[in-house]
Amino acid sequence: MCDDVECPYCGAEIEVYDESPGDLDFTREEECSECGKNFAYTIAMSVHFTPHKADCLNGSPHDFKPSTVSPKFMVKMTCGDCGGERDLTKEEFKKHCGFDMPGPENFFEDCLRLSNGQI
């Protein structure tokens, strides 16, 4: 990921890159391409808590929709309000995927055929 920062010495816009190993705070150094001075910048990640209504947690029905996954047959139904998940019914699976749900007796063989485009 890259971003522009302002050189603290001359004010020039400098493009910097985030190559951190996923730490929450990570300090890097950069040389300004305009004035030639070295400066440091900190990559910081922040966490935000955003409340929203989840009527399904208060007795209303869940707002289940198929998740977007690949391969398609690994889909789950996910509630848009609370994030809860459930398996698809056979009817939902056929509607979403366009073929019958793999049966438990041949599950791995069916999945292999699906991934090879044979179903």
Protein backbone atom coordinates (compact mmCIF):
# COMPACT_ATOMS: atom_id res chain seq x y z
CA MET A 1 0.00 0.00 0.00
CA CYS A 2 1.30 3.49 -0.72
CA ASP A 3 0.36 6.95 0.43
CA ASP A 4 1.62 10.50 0.13
CA VAL A 5 3.14 12.24 3.15
CA GLU A 6 4.48 15.75 3.54
CA CYS A 7 8.20 16.15 4.15
CA PRO A 8 8.52 17.77 7.60
CA TYR A 9 11.48 19.84 6.37
CA CYS A 10 10.43 21.32 3.04
CA GLY A 11 6.74 20.41 2.73
CA ALA A 12 7.11 18.39 -0.50
CA GLU A 13 4.63 15.57 -1.12
CA ILE A 14 6.54 12.28 -0.97
CA GLU A 15 5.10 8.87 -1.91
CA VAL A 16 5.83 6.26 0.77
CA TYR A 17 5.09 2.54 0.90
CA ASP A 18 3.76 0.36 3.70
CA GLU A 19 5.80 -2.82 3.74
CA SER A 20 5.26 -3.46 7.43
CA PRO A 21 4.78 -7.02 8.65
CA GLY A 22 1.27 -6.22 9.89
CA ASP A 23 2.30 -4.54 13.15
CA LEU A 24 -0.10 -2.00 14.62
CA ASP A 25 2.59 0.68 14.76
CA PHE A 26 5.64 0.59 12.53
CA THR A 27 8.21 3.35 11.97
CA ARG A 28 10.09 3.72 8.69
CA GLU A 29 12.55 6.26 7.37
CA GLU A 30 12.52 8.02 4.03
CA GLU A 31 14.73 10.46 2.16
CA CYS A 32 12.94 13.46 0.70
CA SER A 33 13.37 13.53 -3.07
CA GLU A 34 13.15 17.35 -3.03
CA CYS A 35 15.42 18.54 -0.19
CA GLY A 36 17.44 15.34 0.36
CA LYS A 37 16.86 15.25 4.14
CA ASN A 38 15.94 12.05 5.94
CA PHE A 39 12.80 11.88 8.03
CA ALA A 40 10.79 9.19 9.80
CA TYR A 41 7.11 8.34 9.47
CA THR A 42 4.93 5.99 11.45
CA ILE A 43 2.41 3.63 9.93
CA ALA A 44 -0.43 3.29 12.40
CA MET A 45 -3.57 1.22 12.19
CA SER A 46 -6.64 2.23 14.11
CA VAL A 47 -9.73 0.34 15.20
CA HIS A 48 -13.16 1.91 14.98
CA PHE A 49 -16.30 0.65 16.66
CA THR A 50 -19.42 1.51 14.69
CA PRO A 51 -22.72 0.50 16.25
CA HIS A 52 -25.67 -0.40 14.05
CA LYS A 53 -29.09 -1.91 14.54
CA ALA A 54 -29.36 -5.69 14.48
CA ASP A 55 -33.07 -6.33 14.82
CA CYS A 56 -32.46 -10.08 14.42
CA LEU A 57 -30.84 -10.04 17.86
CA ASN A 58 -34.12 -8.71 19.22
CA GLY A 59 -36.55 -11.22 17.74
CA SER A 60 -36.83 -10.15 14.09
CA PRO A 61 -35.77 -12.50 11.27
CA HIS A 62 -32.15 -12.58 10.10
CA ASP A 63 -31.27 -10.84 6.81
CA PHE A 64 -29.46 -13.84 5.28
CA LYS A 65 -27.74 -13.46 1.90
CA PRO A 66 -25.23 -15.75 0.17
CA SER A 67 -21.60 -14.92 0.93
CA THR A 68 -19.20 -14.22 -1.91
CA VAL A 69 -16.56 -16.93 -1.89
CA SER A 70 -14.48 -18.92 -4.31
CA PRO A 71 -14.99 -21.70 -5.10
CA LYS A 72 -18.69 -20.92 -5.31
CA PHE A 73 -19.81 -24.18 -3.70
CA MET A 74 -18.22 -23.13 -0.36
CA VAL A 75 -20.93 -20.45 0.03
CA LYS A 76 -22.64 -19.79 3.39
CA MET A 77 -25.66 -17.66 4.16
CA THR A 78 -24.54 -14.60 6.16
CA CYS A 79 -26.79 -12.18 8.06
CA GLY A 80 -26.17 -8.59 6.96
CA ASP A 81 -27.14 -7.30 10.41
CA CYS A 82 -25.41 -9.53 12.98
CA GLY A 83 -22.87 -11.42 10.82
CA GLY A 84 -24.33 -14.80 11.80
CA GLU A 85 -23.85 -17.67 9.37
CA ARG A 86 -25.73 -20.79 8.40
CA ASP A 87 -25.50 -23.43 5.69
CA LEU A 88 -27.67 -23.06 2.60
CA THR A 89 -30.71 -25.23 2.13
CA LYS A 90 -30.58 -27.55 -0.90
CA GLU A 91 -32.93 -25.17 -2.74
CA GLU A 92 -30.83 -22.07 -1.93
CA PHE A 93 -27.66 -23.91 -2.98
CA LYS A 94 -29.10 -24.90 -6.37
CA LYS A 95 -30.44 -21.36 -6.97
CA HIS A 96 -27.10 -19.72 -6.07
CA CYS A 97 -24.68 -22.24 -7.59
CA GLY A 98 -26.73 -23.58 -10.48
CA PHE A 99 -26.24 -27.26 -9.57
CA ASP A 100 -27.29 -29.70 -6.85
CA MET A 101 -25.53 -29.65 -3.50
CA PRO A 102 -22.79 -32.31 -3.23
CA GLY A 103 -24.03 -35.22 -1.14
CA PRO A 104 -22.20 -36.40 2.00
CA GLU A 105 -21.54 -39.85 0.52
CA ASN A 106 -19.53 -38.42 -2.43
CA PHE A 107 -18.69 -34.99 -1.06
CA PHE A 108 -14.94 -34.94 -1.83
CA GLU A 109 -15.36 -36.52 -5.27
CA ASP A 110 -18.15 -34.05 -6.10
CA CYS A 111 -16.03 -31.11 -4.89
CA LEU A 112 -13.12 -32.26 -7.04
CA ARG A 113 -15.41 -32.56 -10.07
CA LEU A 114 -16.83 -29.08 -9.31
CA SER A 115 -13.39 -27.50 -9.06
CA ASN A 116 -12.41 -29.12 -12.38
CA GLY A 117 -15.55 -27.78 -14.07
CA GLN A 118 -17.01 -31.22 -14.62
CA ILE A 119 -20.35 -30.35 -12.98
